[in-house]
Amino acid sequence: MVDPALLDAMLAGASTPGTDQDRWLDSITDQLGAFTDEQAALVTVTLTDLVLAGLPARERESALHAVAEVVEWHPVARPAAEALCTLDRTALSPSEVEYLGFVCG
């Protein structure tokens, strides 16, 4: 289990424009094995909401990567990412399309 205060800090940093969001998003993938399924679902919902709200390209790619990694480690979190399957894949980079392919099939 990731310490709740650490998880809150990671999600706050990843969600706050003007911070080094990309670094915070990467820090999430460093904790994958420590997340409980409930924490994994919370991370997935938060990152999905960020992507759908319109992150800049670099941060969007990091968020999609993190979601794909979380879902790989915690398949129970996959339903929390279903809204990402509506993204227009023609507007995404090849790596983002790959991440979505893993999440959405």
Protein backbone atom coordinates (compact mmCIF):
# COMPACT_ATOMS: atom_id res chain seq x y z
CA MET A 1 0.00 0.00 0.00
CA VAL A 2 1.30 3.43 -0.91
CA ASP A 3 1.16 5.90 1.95
CA PRO A 4 -2.03 7.90 1.40
CA ALA A 5 -0.20 11.22 1.86
CA LEU A 6 2.32 10.25 -0.82
CA LEU A 7 -0.46 9.20 -3.18
CA ASP A 8 -2.27 12.50 -2.56
CA ALA A 9 0.94 14.41 -3.30
CA MET A 10 1.57 12.47 -6.52
CA LEU A 11 -1.98 13.02 -7.78
CA ALA A 12 -1.93 16.70 -6.79
CA GLY A 13 1.36 17.24 -8.61
CA ALA A 14 0.13 15.37 -11.68
CA SER A 15 -3.06 17.43 -11.68
CA THR A 16 -1.58 20.90 -11.22
CA PRO A 17 -0.60 22.88 -14.31
CA GLY A 18 2.61 24.79 -13.83
CA THR A 19 4.23 22.00 -11.82
CA ASP A 20 6.46 19.43 -13.43
CA GLN A 21 3.39 17.31 -14.23
CA ASP A 22 5.40 14.95 -16.41
CA ARG A 23 7.70 14.10 -13.50
CA TRP A 24 4.76 13.54 -11.17
CA LEU A 25 3.09 11.29 -13.74
CA ASP A 26 6.28 9.27 -14.05
CA SER A 27 6.45 8.94 -10.26
CA ILE A 28 3.11 7.16 -10.35
CA THR A 29 4.55 4.35 -12.46
CA ASP A 30 7.36 3.95 -9.92
CA GLN A 31 4.79 2.85 -7.31
CA LEU A 32 2.76 0.34 -9.35
CA GLY A 33 3.49 -2.72 -7.28
CA ALA A 34 2.71 -0.92 -4.05
CA PHE A 35 -0.77 0.30 -5.00
CA THR A 36 -3.78 -1.48 -3.58
CA ASP A 37 -6.52 -2.17 -6.11
CA GLU A 38 -8.50 0.72 -4.64
CA GLN A 39 -5.54 3.09 -5.02
CA ALA A 40 -5.00 1.87 -8.58
CA ALA A 41 -8.63 2.63 -9.42
CA LEU A 42 -8.30 6.13 -7.90
CA VAL A 43 -5.13 6.80 -9.92
CA THR A 44 -6.80 5.54 -13.10
CA VAL A 45 -9.90 7.70 -12.62
CA THR A 46 -7.79 10.78 -11.87
CA LEU A 47 -5.50 10.31 -14.87
CA THR A 48 -8.41 9.50 -17.18
CA ASP A 49 -10.13 12.73 -16.12
CA LEU A 50 -6.91 14.69 -16.73
CA VAL A 51 -6.48 13.28 -20.24
CA LEU A 52 -10.10 13.94 -21.16
CA ALA A 53 -9.84 17.50 -19.80
CA GLY A 54 -7.08 18.21 -22.33
CA LEU A 55 -3.52 17.80 -21.11
CA PRO A 56 -0.68 19.10 -23.28
CA ALA A 57 0.78 16.41 -25.57
CA ARG A 58 3.81 15.46 -23.45
CA GLU A 59 1.78 15.19 -20.26
CA ARG A 60 -1.02 13.36 -22.07
CA GLU A 61 1.45 10.75 -23.29
CA SER A 62 2.83 10.31 -19.76
CA ALA A 63 -0.67 10.00 -18.33
CA LEU A 64 -1.69 7.41 -20.93
CA HIS A 65 1.50 5.48 -20.25
CA ALA A 66 0.77 5.53 -16.51
CA VAL A 67 -2.81 4.35 -17.07
CA ALA A 68 -1.62 1.48 -19.26
CA GLU A 69 0.93 0.47 -16.61
CA VAL A 70 -1.58 0.70 -13.76
CA VAL A 71 -4.08 -1.43 -15.70
CA GLU A 72 -1.38 -4.00 -16.46
CA TRP A 73 -0.52 -4.36 -12.75
CA HIS A 74 -4.11 -3.95 -11.51
CA PRO A 75 -6.61 -5.23 -14.13
CA VAL A 76 -9.45 -4.35 -11.75
CA ALA A 77 -8.74 -0.67 -12.59
CA ARG A 78 -9.46 -1.13 -16.33
CA PRO A 79 -13.15 -0.06 -16.13
CA ALA A 80 -12.03 3.28 -14.66
CA ALA A 81 -10.19 3.97 -17.94
CA GLU A 82 -13.00 3.08 -20.36
CA ALA A 83 -13.74 6.72 -21.19
CA LEU A 84 -10.28 6.95 -22.81
CA CYS A 85 -11.50 4.58 -25.51
CA THR A 86 -13.50 7.45 -27.00
CA LEU A 87 -10.37 9.48 -27.83
CA ASP A 88 -9.69 10.19 -31.50
CA ARG A 89 -6.65 8.03 -32.14
CA THR A 90 -5.79 9.92 -35.33
CA ALA A 91 -4.92 12.94 -33.17
CA LEU A 92 -2.50 10.96 -30.98
CA SER A 93 1.15 9.95 -31.29
CA PRO A 94 2.00 6.33 -32.14
CA SER A 95 3.01 5.60 -28.54
CA GLU A 96 -0.27 7.05 -27.23
CA VAL A 97 -2.18 4.84 -29.68
CA GLU A 98 -0.20 1.87 -28.40
CA TYR A 99 -1.09 2.70 -24.78
CA LEU A 100 -4.76 3.04 -25.71
CA GLY A 101 -4.61 -0.25 -27.56
CA PHE A 102 -3.52 -1.94 -24.36
CA VAL A 103 -6.15 -0.20 -22.26
CA CYS A 104 -9.04 -0.43 -24.73
CA GLY A 105 -8.16 -3.45 -26.82
